[in-house]
Amino acid sequence: MILSKTEQCTKVLFVCDANRLRSPTAEAIFSRHPTLQVRSAGLSNEATVPLSLDLLEWADVIFVMERRHRNIIHSRFKDIYQRKRIICLYIPDEFEFMDPELVQLLEERVTRKLGDLKR
């Protein structure tokens, strides 16, 4: 889909621990949205896609699944933490990839927060 000059995509980054369950689920759900560009990453050394400075710089808004993820970003990337919008979704690590309950939580919380950002 080609966006008009008046429409702009919001770049959204989802972050969890290993980038295997929660953040890839969020990426799968929201990558279909026409006005979003979506990526996901993990904070652990074994993450499928490790969080990097480049990914953080790319994002307009960063969603973390747990408060400690935000704290880790703060300790590893202090400058980014000061400049970027980082929102905690408070979703614990107790779901499988594309678990219907996880999908519902993500749809409710992310959609609400994205709506709040546009006001």
PDB file of N, CA and C in Angstrom:
ATOM      1  N   MET A   1       0.848  -1.185   0.000  1.00  0.00           N
ATOM      2  CA  MET A   1       0.000   0.000   0.000  1.00  0.00           C
ATOM      3  C   MET A   1       0.884   1.235   0.000  1.00  0.00           C
ATOM      4  N   ILE A   2       0.591   2.174  -0.876  1.00  0.00           N
ATOM      5  CA  ILE A   2       1.346   3.418  -0.951  1.00  0.00           C
ATOM      6  C   ILE A   2       0.562   4.474  -0.190  1.00  0.00           C
ATOM      7  N   LEU A   3       1.255   5.143   0.709  1.00  0.00           N
ATOM      8  CA  LEU A   3       0.610   6.169   1.512  1.00  0.00           C
ATOM      9  C   LEU A   3       0.745   7.518   0.833  1.00  0.00           C
ATOM     10  N   SER A   4      -0.257   8.358   0.974  1.00  0.00           N
ATOM     11  CA  SER A   4      -0.173   9.707   0.439  1.00  0.00           C
ATOM     12  C   SER A   4       0.810  10.515   1.273  1.00  0.00           C
ATOM     13  N   LYS A   5       1.171  11.681   0.748  1.00  0.00           N
ATOM     14  CA  LYS A   5       2.141  12.526   1.446  1.00  0.00           C
ATOM     15  C   LYS A   5       1.617  12.988   2.805  1.00  0.00           C
ATOM     16  N   THR A   6       0.284  13.059   2.939  1.00  0.00           N
ATOM     17  CA  THR A   6      -0.280  13.517   4.205  1.00  0.00           C
ATOM     18  C   THR A   6      -0.312  12.413   5.260  1.00  0.00           C
ATOM     19  N   GLU A   7      -0.195  11.157   4.817  1.00  0.00           N
ATOM     20  CA  GLU A   7      -0.188  10.045   5.758  1.00  0.00           C
ATOM     21  C   GLU A   7       1.257   9.658   6.066  1.00  0.00           C
ATOM     22  N   GLN A   8       1.509   9.371   7.291  1.00  0.00           N
ATOM     23  CA  GLN A   8       2.845   8.981   7.694  1.00  0.00           C
ATOM     24  C   GLN A   8       2.761   7.713   8.523  1.00  0.00           C
ATOM     25  N   CYS A   9       3.657   6.787   8.255  1.00  0.00           N
ATOM     26  CA  CYS A   9       3.700   5.563   9.045  1.00  0.00           C
ATOM     27  C   CYS A   9       4.373   5.827  10.380  1.00  0.00           C
ATOM     28  N   THR A  10       3.832   5.242  11.417  1.00  0.00           N
ATOM     29  CA  THR A  10       4.459   5.273  12.723  1.00  0.00           C
ATOM     30  C   THR A  10       5.306   4.013  12.844  1.00  0.00           C
ATOM     31  N   LYS A  11       6.556   4.190  13.230  1.00  0.00           N
ATOM     32  CA  LYS A  11       7.473   3.054  13.381  1.00  0.00           C
ATOM     33  C   LYS A  11       7.403   2.557  14.816  1.00  0.00           C
ATOM     34  N   VAL A  12       6.962   1.303  14.965  1.00  0.00           N
ATOM     35  CA  VAL A  12       6.709   0.720  16.281  1.00  0.00           C
ATOM     36  C   VAL A  12       7.647  -0.458  16.503  1.00  0.00           C
ATOM     37  N   LEU A  13       8.309  -0.443  17.643  1.00  0.00           N
ATOM     38  CA  LEU A  13       9.196  -1.542  18.037  1.00  0.00           C
ATOM     39  C   LEU A  13       8.631  -2.207  19.285  1.00  0.00           C
ATOM     40  N   PHE A  14       8.489  -3.542  19.230  1.00  0.00           N
ATOM     41  CA  PHE A  14       8.042  -4.326  20.378  1.00  0.00           C
ATOM     42  C   PHE A  14       9.243  -5.063  20.956  1.00  0.00           C
ATOM     43  N   VAL A  15       9.379  -5.017  22.294  1.00  0.00           N
ATOM     44  CA  VAL A  15      10.533  -5.615  22.960  1.00  0.00           C
ATOM     45  C   VAL A  15      10.072  -6.555  24.072  1.00  0.00           C
ATOM     46  N   CYS A  16      10.680  -7.749  24.091  1.00  0.00           N
ATOM     47  CA  CYS A  16      10.484  -8.691  25.199  1.00  0.00           C
ATOM     48  C   CYS A  16      11.837  -9.318  25.518  1.00  0.00           C
ATOM     49  N   ASP A  17      11.854 -10.465  26.174  1.00  0.00           N
ATOM     50  CA  ASP A  17      13.119 -11.088  26.570  1.00  0.00           C
ATOM     51  C   ASP A  17      13.866 -11.727  25.406  1.00  0.00           C
ATOM     52  N   ALA A  18      13.273 -12.748  24.815  1.00  0.00           N
ATOM     53  CA  ALA A  18      13.985 -13.573  23.831  1.00  0.00           C
ATOM     54  C   ALA A  18      13.536 -13.345  22.393  1.00  0.00           C
ATOM     55  N   ASN A  19      12.520 -12.499  22.207  1.00  0.00           N
ATOM     56  CA  ASN A  19      11.990 -12.240  20.872  1.00  0.00           C
ATOM     57  C   ASN A  19      11.522 -13.534  20.206  1.00  0.00           C
ATOM     58  N   ARG A  20      10.842 -14.359  21.000  1.00  0.00           N
ATOM     59  CA  ARG A  20      10.324 -15.625  20.469  1.00  0.00           C
ATOM     60  C   ARG A  20       8.808 -15.767  20.636  1.00  0.00           C
ATOM     61  N   LEU A  21       8.217 -15.087  21.619  1.00  0.00           N
ATOM     62  CA  LEU A  21       6.796 -15.295  21.900  1.00  0.00           C
ATOM     63  C   LEU A  21       5.999 -13.986  21.871  1.00  0.00           C
ATOM     64  N   ARG A  22       6.199 -13.137  22.853  1.00  0.00           N
ATOM     65  CA  ARG A  22       5.362 -11.941  22.979  1.00  0.00           C
ATOM     66  C   ARG A  22       5.617 -10.898  21.891  1.00  0.00           C
ATOM     67  N   SER A  23       6.861 -10.459  21.756  1.00  0.00           N
ATOM     68  CA  SER A  23       7.103  -9.399  20.764  1.00  0.00           C
ATOM     69  C   SER A  23       6.897  -9.869  19.324  1.00  0.00           C
ATOM     70  N   PRO A  24       7.249 -11.115  18.946  1.00  0.00           N
ATOM     71  CA  PRO A  24       6.908 -11.550  17.588  1.00  0.00           C
ATOM     72  C   PRO A  24       5.400 -11.664  17.353  1.00  0.00           C
ATOM     73  N   THR A  25       4.646 -12.004  18.401  1.00  0.00           N
ATOM     74  CA  THR A  25       3.193 -12.015  18.277  1.00  0.00           C
ATOM     75  C   THR A  25       2.698 -10.603  17.986  1.00  0.00           C
ATOM     76  N   ALA A  26       3.193  -9.639  18.730  1.00  0.00           N
ATOM     77  CA  ALA A  26       2.799  -8.243  18.500  1.00  0.00           C
ATOM     78  C   ALA A  26       3.184  -7.793  17.095  1.00  0.00           C
ATOM     79  N   GLU A  27       4.375  -8.159  16.664  1.00  0.00           N
ATOM     80  CA  GLU A  27       4.809  -7.794  15.317  1.00  0.00           C
ATOM     81  C   GLU A  27       3.880  -8.410  14.265  1.00  0.00           C
ATOM     82  N   ALA A  28       3.523  -9.667  14.441  1.00  0.00           N
ATOM     83  CA  ALA A  28       2.640 -10.347  13.488  1.00  0.00           C
ATOM     84  C   ALA A  28       1.269  -9.676  13.422  1.00  0.00           C
ATOM     85  N   ILE A  29       0.745  -9.287  14.556  1.00  0.00           N
ATOM     86  CA  ILE A  29      -0.588  -8.671  14.604  1.00  0.00           C
ATOM     87  C   ILE A  29      -0.579  -7.292  13.951  1.00  0.00           C
ATOM     88  N   PHE A  30       0.357  -6.458  14.351  1.00  0.00           N
ATOM     89  CA  PHE A  30       0.321  -5.052  13.941  1.00  0.00           C
ATOM     90  C   PHE A  30       1.037  -4.785  12.625  1.00  0.00           C
ATOM     91  N   SER A  31       1.760  -5.746  12.088  1.00  0.00           N
ATOM     92  CA  SER A  31       2.409  -5.539  10.792  1.00  0.00           C
ATOM     93  C   SER A  31       1.378  -5.429   9.670  1.00  0.00           C
ATOM     94  N   ARG A  32       0.165  -5.867   9.925  1.00  0.00           N
ATOM     95  CA  ARG A  32      -0.913  -5.767   8.927  1.00  0.00           C
ATOM     96  C   ARG A  32      -1.560  -4.379   8.918  1.00  0.00           C
ATOM     97  N   HIS A  33      -1.242  -3.558   9.899  1.00  0.00           N
ATOM     98  CA  HIS A  33      -1.871  -2.240  10.000  1.00  0.00           C
ATOM     99  C   HIS A  33      -1.284  -1.313   8.930  1.00  0.00           C
ATOM    100  N   PRO A  34      -2.127  -0.649   8.159  1.00  0.00           N
ATOM    101  CA  PRO A  34      -1.625   0.135   7.022  1.00  0.00           C
ATOM    102  C   PRO A  34      -0.797   1.373   7.358  1.00  0.00           C
ATOM    103  N   THR A  35      -0.923   1.897   8.575  1.00  0.00           N
ATOM    104  CA  THR A  35      -0.160   3.103   8.903  1.00  0.00           C
ATOM    105  C   THR A  35       0.957   2.839   9.911  1.00  0.00           C
ATOM    106  N   LEU A  36       1.306   1.570  10.094  1.00  0.00           N
ATOM    107  CA  LEU A  36       2.389   1.214  11.015  1.00  0.00           C
ATOM    108  C   LEU A  36       3.487   0.459  10.280  1.00  0.00           C
ATOM    109  N   GLN A  37       4.715   0.732  10.662  1.00  0.00           N
ATOM    110  CA  GLN A  37       5.853  -0.110  10.313  1.00  0.00           C
ATOM    111  C   GLN A  37       6.268  -0.755  11.631  1.00  0.00           C
ATOM    112  N   VAL A  38       6.397  -2.069  11.652  1.00  0.00           N
ATOM    113  CA  VAL A  38       6.561  -2.777  12.917  1.00  0.00           C
ATOM    114  C   VAL A  38       7.762  -3.708  12.866  1.00  0.00           C
ATOM    115  N   ARG A  39       8.496  -3.719  13.979  1.00  0.00           N
ATOM    116  CA  ARG A  39       9.601  -4.649  14.174  1.00  0.00           C
ATOM    117  C   ARG A  39       9.557  -5.134  15.619  1.00  0.00           C
ATOM    118  N   SER A  40      10.326  -6.187  15.905  1.00  0.00           N
ATOM    119  CA  SER A  40      10.411  -6.682  17.281  1.00  0.00           C
ATOM    120  C   SER A  40      11.833  -7.107  17.575  1.00  0.00           C
ATOM    121  N   ALA A  41      12.146  -7.145  18.869  1.00  0.00           N
ATOM    122  CA  ALA A  41      13.494  -7.507  19.313  1.00  0.00           C
ATOM    123  C   ALA A  41      13.425  -8.032  20.743  1.00  0.00           C
ATOM    124  N   GLY A  42      14.528  -8.643  21.172  1.00  0.00           N
ATOM    125  CA  GLY A  42      14.619  -9.160  22.532  1.00  0.00           C
ATOM    126  C   GLY A  42      15.848  -8.636  23.239  1.00  0.00           C
ATOM    127  N   LEU A  43      15.797  -8.679  24.551  1.00  0.00           N
ATOM    128  CA  LEU A  43      16.885  -8.135  25.366  1.00  0.00           C
ATOM    129  C   LEU A  43      17.959  -9.154  25.740  1.00  0.00           C
ATOM    130  N   SER A  44      17.656 -10.433  25.664  1.00  0.00           N
ATOM    131  CA  SER A  44      18.654 -11.432  26.074  1.00  0.00           C
ATOM    132  C   SER A  44      19.686 -11.642  24.966  1.00  0.00           C
ATOM    133  N   ASN A  45      20.832 -12.176  25.363  1.00  0.00           N
ATOM    134  CA  ASN A  45      21.891 -12.470  24.395  1.00  0.00           C
ATOM    135  C   ASN A  45      21.466 -13.528  23.392  1.00  0.00           C
ATOM    136  N   GLU A  46      20.508 -14.365  23.765  1.00  0.00           N
ATOM    137  CA  GLU A  46      20.031 -15.437  22.895  1.00  0.00           C
ATOM    138  C   GLU A  46      18.789 -15.048  22.094  1.00  0.00           C
ATOM    139  N   ALA A  47      18.440 -13.782  22.098  1.00  0.00           N
ATOM    140  CA  ALA A  47      17.237 -13.328  21.401  1.00  0.00           C
ATOM    141  C   ALA A  47      17.335 -13.618  19.909  1.00  0.00           C
ATOM    142  N   THR A  48      16.193 -13.944  19.319  1.00  0.00           N
ATOM    143  CA  THR A  48      16.133 -14.176  17.879  1.00  0.00           C
ATOM    144  C   THR A  48      16.616 -12.937  17.128  1.00  0.00           C
ATOM    145  N   VAL A  49      16.118 -11.776  17.509  1.00  0.00           N
ATOM    146  CA  VAL A  49      16.607 -10.484  17.002  1.00  0.00           C
ATOM    147  C   VAL A  49      17.003  -9.675  18.230  1.00  0.00           C
ATOM    148  N   PRO A  50      18.303  -9.550  18.497  1.00  0.00           N
ATOM    149  CA  PRO A  50      18.738  -8.793  19.680  1.00  0.00           C
ATOM    150  C   PRO A  50      18.451  -7.297  19.530  1.00  0.00           C
ATOM    151  N   LEU A  51      18.047  -6.684  20.621  1.00  0.00           N
ATOM    152  CA  LEU A  51      17.811  -5.246  20.620  1.00  0.00           C
ATOM    153  C   LEU A  51      19.117  -4.520  20.326  1.00  0.00           C
ATOM    154  N   SER A  52      19.051  -3.537  19.450  1.00  0.00           N
ATOM    155  CA  SER A  52      20.248  -2.779  19.084  1.00  0.00           C
ATOM    156  C   SER A  52      19.951  -1.282  19.110  1.00  0.00           C
ATOM    157  N   LEU A  53      21.005  -0.511  19.117  1.00  0.00           N
ATOM    158  CA  LEU A  53      20.874   0.944  19.049  1.00  0.00           C
ATOM    159  C   LEU A  53      20.166   1.337  17.751  1.00  0.00           C
ATOM    160  N   ASP A  54      20.489   0.669  16.652  1.00  0.00           N
ATOM    161  CA  ASP A  54      19.852   0.980  15.368  1.00  0.00           C
ATOM    162  C   ASP A  54      18.338   0.792  15.424  1.00  0.00           C
ATOM    163  N   LEU A  55      17.886  -0.310  16.034  1.00  0.00           N
ATOM    164  CA  LEU A  55      16.443  -0.544  16.151  1.00  0.00           C
ATOM    165  C   LEU A  55      15.778   0.524  17.017  1.00  0.00           C
ATOM    166  N   LEU A  56      16.415   0.877  18.106  1.00  0.00           N
ATOM    167  CA  LEU A  56      15.855   1.901  18.984  1.00  0.00           C
ATOM    168  C   LEU A  56      15.796   3.253  18.278  1.00  0.00           C
ATOM    169  N   GLU A  57      16.833   3.586  17.534  1.00  0.00           N
ATOM    170  CA  GLU A  57      16.852   4.848  16.788  1.00  0.00           C
ATOM    171  C   GLU A  57      15.761   4.859  15.721  1.00  0.00           C
ATOM    172  N   TRP A  58      15.525   3.720  15.083  1.00  0.00           N
ATOM    173  CA  TRP A  58      14.527   3.603  14.022  1.00  0.00           C
ATOM    174  C   TRP A  58      13.120   3.892  14.534  1.00  0.00           C
ATOM    175  N   ALA A  59      12.813   3.446  15.729  1.00  0.00           N
ATOM    176  CA  ALA A  59      11.438   3.476  16.255  1.00  0.00           C
ATOM    177  C   ALA A  59      10.970   4.872  16.635  1.00  0.00           C
ATOM    178  N   ASP A  60       9.683   5.128  16.344  1.00  0.00           N
ATOM    179  CA  ASP A  60       9.016   6.320  16.859  1.00  0.00           C
ATOM    180  C   ASP A  60       8.481   6.056  18.258  1.00  0.00           C
ATOM    181  N   VAL A  61       8.025   4.839  18.474  1.00  0.00           N
ATOM    182  CA  VAL A  61       7.496   4.441  19.779  1.00  0.00           C
ATOM    183  C   VAL A  61       7.957   3.011  20.067  1.00  0.00           C
ATOM    184  N   ILE A  62       8.297   2.764  21.321  1.00  0.00           N
ATOM    185  CA  ILE A  62       8.809   1.457  21.748  1.00  0.00           C
ATOM    186  C   ILE A  62       7.866   0.906  22.809  1.00  0.00           C
ATOM    187  N   PHE A  63       7.350  -0.294  22.554  1.00  0.00           N
ATOM    188  CA  PHE A  63       6.513  -0.983  23.525  1.00  0.00           C
ATOM    189  C   PHE A  63       7.322  -2.098  24.160  1.00  0.00           C
ATOM    190  N   VAL A  64       7.404  -2.094  25.482  1.00  0.00           N
ATOM    191  CA  VAL A  64       8.044  -3.179  26.221  1.00  0.00           C
ATOM    192  C   VAL A  64       6.957  -3.973  26.929  1.00  0.00           C
ATOM    193  N   MET A  65       7.229  -5.248  27.151  1.00  0.00           N
ATOM    194  CA  MET A  65       6.215  -6.102  27.753  1.00  0.00           C
ATOM    195  C   MET A  65       6.180  -5.989  29.274  1.00  0.00           C
ATOM    196  N   GLU A  66       7.335  -5.711  29.892  1.00  0.00           N
ATOM    197  CA  GLU A  66       7.418  -5.641  31.353  1.00  0.00           C
ATOM    198  C   GLU A  66       8.213  -4.410  31.769  1.00  0.00           C
ATOM    199  N   ARG A  67       7.965  -3.946  32.987  1.00  0.00           N
ATOM    200  CA  ARG A  67       8.666  -2.777  33.516  1.00  0.00           C
ATOM    201  C   ARG A  67      10.183  -2.983  33.505  1.00  0.00           C
ATOM    202  N   ARG A  68      10.632  -4.204  33.799  1.00  0.00           N
ATOM    203  CA  ARG A  68      12.078  -4.434  33.843  1.00  0.00           C
ATOM    204  C   ARG A  68      12.722  -4.287  32.468  1.00  0.00           C
ATOM    205  N   HIS A  69      11.953  -4.496  31.401  1.00  0.00           N
ATOM    206  CA  HIS A  69      12.486  -4.276  30.050  1.00  0.00           C
ATOM    207  C   HIS A  69      12.792  -2.797  29.850  1.00  0.00           C
ATOM    208  N   ARG A  70      11.892  -1.944  30.312  1.00  0.00           N
ATOM    209  CA  ARG A  70      12.134  -0.499  30.242  1.00  0.00           C
ATOM    210  C   ARG A  70      13.361  -0.128  31.060  1.00  0.00           C
ATOM    211  N   ASN A  71      13.505  -0.744  32.233  1.00  0.00           N
ATOM    212  CA  ASN A  71      14.662  -0.459  33.084  1.00  0.00           C
ATOM    213  C   ASN A  71      15.971  -0.893  32.424  1.00  0.00           C
ATOM    214  N   ILE A  72      15.952  -2.017  31.732  1.00  0.00           N
ATOM    215  CA  ILE A  72      17.155  -2.493  31.036  1.00  0.00           C
ATOM    216  C   ILE A  72      17.517  -1.532  29.901  1.00  0.00           C
ATOM    217  N   ILE A  73      16.521  -1.084  29.159  1.00  0.00           N
ATOM    218  CA  ILE A  73      16.798  -0.108  28.100  1.00  0.00           C
ATOM    219  C   ILE A  73      17.388   1.161  28.714  1.00  0.00           C
ATOM    220  N   HIS A  74      16.844   1.578  29.835  1.00  0.00           N
ATOM    221  CA  HIS A  74      17.365   2.763  30.514  1.00  0.00           C
ATOM    222  C   HIS A  74      18.829   2.585  30.896  1.00  0.00           C
ATOM    223  N   SER A  75      19.190   1.424  31.404  1.00  0.00           N
ATOM    224  CA  SER A  75      20.580   1.225  31.835  1.00  0.00           C
ATOM    225  C   SER A  75      21.540   1.026  30.659  1.00  0.00           C
ATOM    226  N   ARG A  76      21.090   0.398  29.585  1.00  0.00           N
ATOM    227  CA  ARG A  76      21.970   0.134  28.438  1.00  0.00           C
ATOM    228  C   ARG A  76      22.035   1.288  27.431  1.00  0.00           C
ATOM    229  N   PHE A  77      20.942   2.025  27.319  1.00  0.00           N
ATOM    230  CA  PHE A  77      20.827   3.056  26.287  1.00  0.00           C
ATOM    231  C   PHE A  77      20.253   4.336  26.894  1.00  0.00           C
ATOM    232  N   LYS A  78      20.992   4.950  27.805  1.00  0.00           N
ATOM    233  CA  LYS A  78      20.491   6.117  28.540  1.00  0.00           C
ATOM    234  C   LYS A  78      20.024   7.251  27.617  1.00  0.00           C
ATOM    235  N   ASP A  79      20.801   7.537  26.589  1.00  0.00           N
ATOM    236  CA  ASP A  79      20.458   8.635  25.685  1.00  0.00           C
ATOM    237  C   ASP A  79      19.131   8.366  24.971  1.00  0.00           C
ATOM    238  N   ILE A  80      18.948   7.148  24.507  1.00  0.00           N
ATOM    239  CA  ILE A  80      17.698   6.766  23.824  1.00  0.00           C
ATOM    240  C   ILE A  80      16.526   6.889  24.792  1.00  0.00           C
ATOM    241  N   TYR A  81      16.730   6.435  26.009  1.00  0.00           N
ATOM    242  CA  TYR A  81      15.663   6.457  27.008  1.00  0.00           C
ATOM    243  C   TYR A  81      15.125   7.877  27.204  1.00  0.00           C
ATOM    244  N   GLN A  82      16.021   8.852  27.139  1.00  0.00           N
ATOM    245  CA  GLN A  82      15.620  10.252  27.328  1.00  0.00           C
ATOM    246  C   GLN A  82      14.851  10.791  26.122  1.00  0.00           C
ATOM    247  N   ARG A  83      15.118  10.257  24.930  1.00  0.00           N
ATOM    248  CA  ARG A  83      14.571  10.828  23.704  1.00  0.00           C
ATOM    249  C   ARG A  83      13.364  10.096  23.124  1.00  0.00           C
ATOM    250  N   LYS A  84      13.157   8.853  23.515  1.00  0.00           N
ATOM    251  CA  LYS A  84      12.124   8.043  22.884  1.00  0.00           C
ATOM    252  C   LYS A  84      10.942   7.806  23.808  1.00  0.00           C
ATOM    253  N   ARG A  85       9.804   7.580  23.186  1.00  0.00           N
ATOM    254  CA  ARG A  85       8.596   7.226  23.931  1.00  0.00           C
ATOM    255  C   ARG A  85       8.625   5.717  24.168  1.00  0.00           C
ATOM    256  N   ILE A  86       8.737   5.300  25.429  1.00  0.00           N
ATOM    257  CA  ILE A  86       8.785   3.876  25.795  1.00  0.00           C
ATOM    258  C   ILE A  86       7.568   3.592  26.667  1.00  0.00           C
ATOM    259  N   ILE A  87       6.742   2.667  26.207  1.00  0.00           N
ATOM    260  CA  ILE A  87       5.484   2.363  26.884  1.00  0.00           C
ATOM    261  C   ILE A  87       5.492   0.912  27.341  1.00  0.00           C
ATOM    262  N   CYS A  88       5.177   0.710  28.612  1.00  0.00           N
ATOM    263  CA  CYS A  88       5.115  -0.645  29.161  1.00  0.00           C
ATOM    264  C   CYS A  88       3.691  -1.182  29.022  1.00  0.00           C
ATOM    265  N   LEU A  89       3.570  -2.397  28.493  1.00  0.00           N
ATOM    266  CA  LEU A  89       2.274  -3.043  28.310  1.00  0.00           C
ATOM    267  C   LEU A  89       1.883  -3.941  29.486  1.00  0.00           C
ATOM    268  N   TYR A  90       2.813  -4.222  30.399  1.00  0.00           N
ATOM    269  CA  TYR A  90       2.556  -5.054  31.580  1.00  0.00           C
ATOM    270  C   TYR A  90       1.964  -6.410  31.191  1.00  0.00           C
ATOM    271  N   ILE A  91       2.644  -7.084  30.274  1.00  0.00           N
ATOM    272  CA  ILE A  91       2.229  -8.417  29.840  1.00  0.00           C
ATOM    273  C   ILE A  91       3.291  -9.417  30.273  1.00  0.00           C
ATOM    274  N   PRO A  92       2.962 -10.303  31.219  1.00  0.00           N
ATOM    275  CA  PRO A  92       3.949 -11.250  31.753  1.00  0.00           C
ATOM    276  C   PRO A  92       4.339 -12.326  30.733  1.00  0.00           C
ATOM    277  N   ASP A  93       5.449 -12.978  31.005  1.00  0.00           N
ATOM    278  CA  ASP A  93       5.982 -14.018  30.122  1.00  0.00           C
ATOM    279  C   ASP A  93       5.318 -15.354  30.449  1.00  0.00           C
ATOM    280  N   GLU A  94       4.036 -15.454  30.076  1.00  0.00           N
ATOM    281  CA  GLU A  94       3.293 -16.681  30.367  1.00  0.00           C
ATOM    282  C   GLU A  94       2.427 -17.117  29.190  1.00  0.00           C
ATOM    283  N   PHE A  95       2.773 -16.647  27.998  1.00  0.00           N
ATOM    284  CA  PHE A  95       1.986 -16.951  26.810  1.00  0.00           C
ATOM    285  C   PHE A  95       2.851 -17.586  25.736  1.00  0.00           C
ATOM    286  N   GLU A  96       2.201 -18.390  24.897  1.00  0.00           N
ATOM    287  CA  GLU A  96       2.851 -18.955  23.722  1.00  0.00           C
ATOM    288  C   GLU A  96       2.657 -17.997  22.544  1.00  0.00           C
ATOM    289  N   PHE A  97       3.420 -18.211  21.487  1.00  0.00           N
ATOM    290  CA  PHE A  97       3.288 -17.412  20.276  1.00  0.00           C
ATOM    291  C   PHE A  97       1.854 -17.491  19.749  1.00  0.00           C
ATOM    292  N   MET A  98       1.254 -16.330  19.495  1.00  0.00           N
ATOM    293  CA  MET A  98      -0.105 -16.180  18.964  1.00  0.00           C
ATOM    294  C   MET A  98      -1.190 -16.770  19.875  1.00  0.00           C
ATOM    295  N   ASP A  99      -0.905 -16.921  21.160  1.00  0.00           N
ATOM    296  CA  ASP A  99      -1.917 -17.347  22.129  1.00  0.00           C
ATOM    297  C   ASP A  99      -3.095 -16.373  22.034  1.00  0.00           C
ATOM    298  N   PRO A 100      -4.327 -16.867  21.925  1.00  0.00           N
ATOM    299  CA  PRO A 100      -5.487 -15.975  21.773  1.00  0.00           C
ATOM    300  C   PRO A 100      -5.611 -14.928  22.889  1.00  0.00           C
ATOM    301  N   GLU A 101      -5.283 -15.304  24.116  1.00  0.00           N
ATOM    302  CA  GLU A 101      -5.343 -14.332  25.216  1.00  0.00           C
ATOM    303  C   GLU A 101      -4.285 -13.249  25.041  1.00  0.00           C
ATOM    304  N   LEU A 102      -3.092 -13.636  24.604  1.00  0.00           N
ATOM    305  CA  LEU A 102      -2.026 -12.661  24.338  1.00  0.00           C
ATOM    306  C   LEU A 102      -2.433 -11.727  23.205  1.00  0.00           C
ATOM    307  N   VAL A 103      -2.987 -12.269  22.155  1.00  0.00           N
ATOM    308  CA  VAL A 103      -3.446 -11.457  21.022  1.00  0.00           C
ATOM    309  C   VAL A 103      -4.468 -10.432  21.492  1.00  0.00           C
ATOM    310  N   GLN A 104      -5.418 -10.870  22.314  1.00  0.00           N
ATOM    311  CA  GLN A 104      -6.445  -9.960  22.821  1.00  0.00           C
ATOM    312  C   GLN A 104      -5.824  -8.846  23.671  1.00  0.00           C
ATOM    313  N   LEU A 105      -4.914  -9.210  24.580  1.00  0.00           N
ATOM    314  CA  LEU A 105      -4.249  -8.202  25.418  1.00  0.00           C
ATOM    315  C   LEU A 105      -3.498  -7.188  24.567  1.00  0.00           C
ATOM    316  N   LEU A 106      -2.749  -7.682  23.598  1.00  0.00           N
ATOM    317  CA  LEU A 106      -1.980  -6.784  22.734  1.00  0.00           C
ATOM    318  C   LEU A 106      -2.896  -5.862  21.947  1.00  0.00           C
ATOM    319  N   GLU A 107      -3.929  -6.419  21.354  1.00  0.00           N
ATOM    320  CA  GLU A 107      -4.846  -5.594  20.565  1.00  0.00           C
ATOM    321  C   GLU A 107      -5.473  -4.500  21.418  1.00  0.00           C
ATOM    322  N   GLU A 108      -5.902  -4.837  22.622  1.00  0.00           N
ATOM    323  CA  GLU A 108      -6.524  -3.849  23.498  1.00  0.00           C
ATOM    324  C   GLU A 108      -5.528  -2.781  23.944  1.00  0.00           C
ATOM    325  N   ARG A 109      -4.400  -3.212  24.472  1.00  0.00           N
ATOM    326  CA  ARG A 109      -3.462  -2.263  25.079  1.00  0.00           C
ATOM    327  C   ARG A 109      -2.707  -1.429  24.055  1.00  0.00           C
ATOM    328  N   VAL A 110      -2.239  -2.049  23.006  1.00  0.00           N
ATOM    329  CA  VAL A 110      -1.480  -1.299  21.998  1.00  0.00           C
ATOM    330  C   VAL A 110      -2.392  -0.340  21.255  1.00  0.00           C
ATOM    331  N   THR A 111      -3.573  -0.792  20.863  1.00  0.00           N
ATOM    332  CA  THR A 111      -4.501   0.070  20.144  1.00  0.00           C
ATOM    333  C   THR A 111      -4.863   1.294  20.988  1.00  0.00           C
ATOM    334  N   ARG A 112      -5.112   1.073  22.271  1.00  0.00           N
ATOM    335  CA  ARG A 112      -5.434   2.190  23.174  1.00  0.00           C
ATOM    336  C   ARG A 112      -4.273   3.166  23.268  1.00  0.00           C
ATOM    337  N   LYS A 113      -3.062   2.648  23.436  1.00  0.00           N
ATOM    338  CA  LYS A 113      -1.885   3.525  23.570  1.00  0.00           C
ATOM    339  C   LYS A 113      -1.583   4.266  22.279  1.00  0.00           C
ATOM    340  N   LEU A 114      -1.734   3.613  21.145  1.00  0.00           N
ATOM    341  CA  LEU A 114      -1.497   4.293  19.874  1.00  0.00           C
ATOM    342  C   LEU A 114      -2.525   5.393  19.666  1.00  0.00           C
ATOM    343  N   GLY A 115      -3.759   5.129  20.095  1.00  0.00           N
ATOM    344  CA  GLY A 115      -4.798   6.171  20.017  1.00  0.00           C
ATOM    345  C   GLY A 115      -4.472   7.351  20.910  1.00  0.00           C
ATOM    346  N   ASP A 116      -3.936   7.069  22.098  1.00  0.00           N
ATOM    347  CA  ASP A 116      -3.551   8.139  23.027  1.00  0.00           C
ATOM    348  C   ASP A 116      -2.427   9.000  22.445  1.00  0.00           C
ATOM    349  N   LEU A 117      -1.529   8.394  21.679  1.00  0.00           N
ATOM    350  CA  LEU A 117      -0.395   9.130  21.104  1.00  0.00           C
ATOM    351  C   LEU A 117      -0.852  10.133  20.050  1.00  0.00           C
ATOM    352  N   LYS A 118      -1.967   9.865  19.395  1.00  0.00           N
ATOM    353  CA  LYS A 118      -2.439  10.734  18.320  1.00  0.00           C
ATOM    354  C   LYS A 118      -3.201  11.946  18.840  1.00  0.00           C
ATOM    355  N   ARG A 119      -3.562  11.936  20.098  1.00  0.00           N
ATOM    356  CA  ARG A 119      -4.336  13.066  20.670  1.00  0.00           C
ATOM    357  C   ARG A 119      -3.444  14.229  20.985  1.00  0.00           C
TER     358      ARG A 119
END
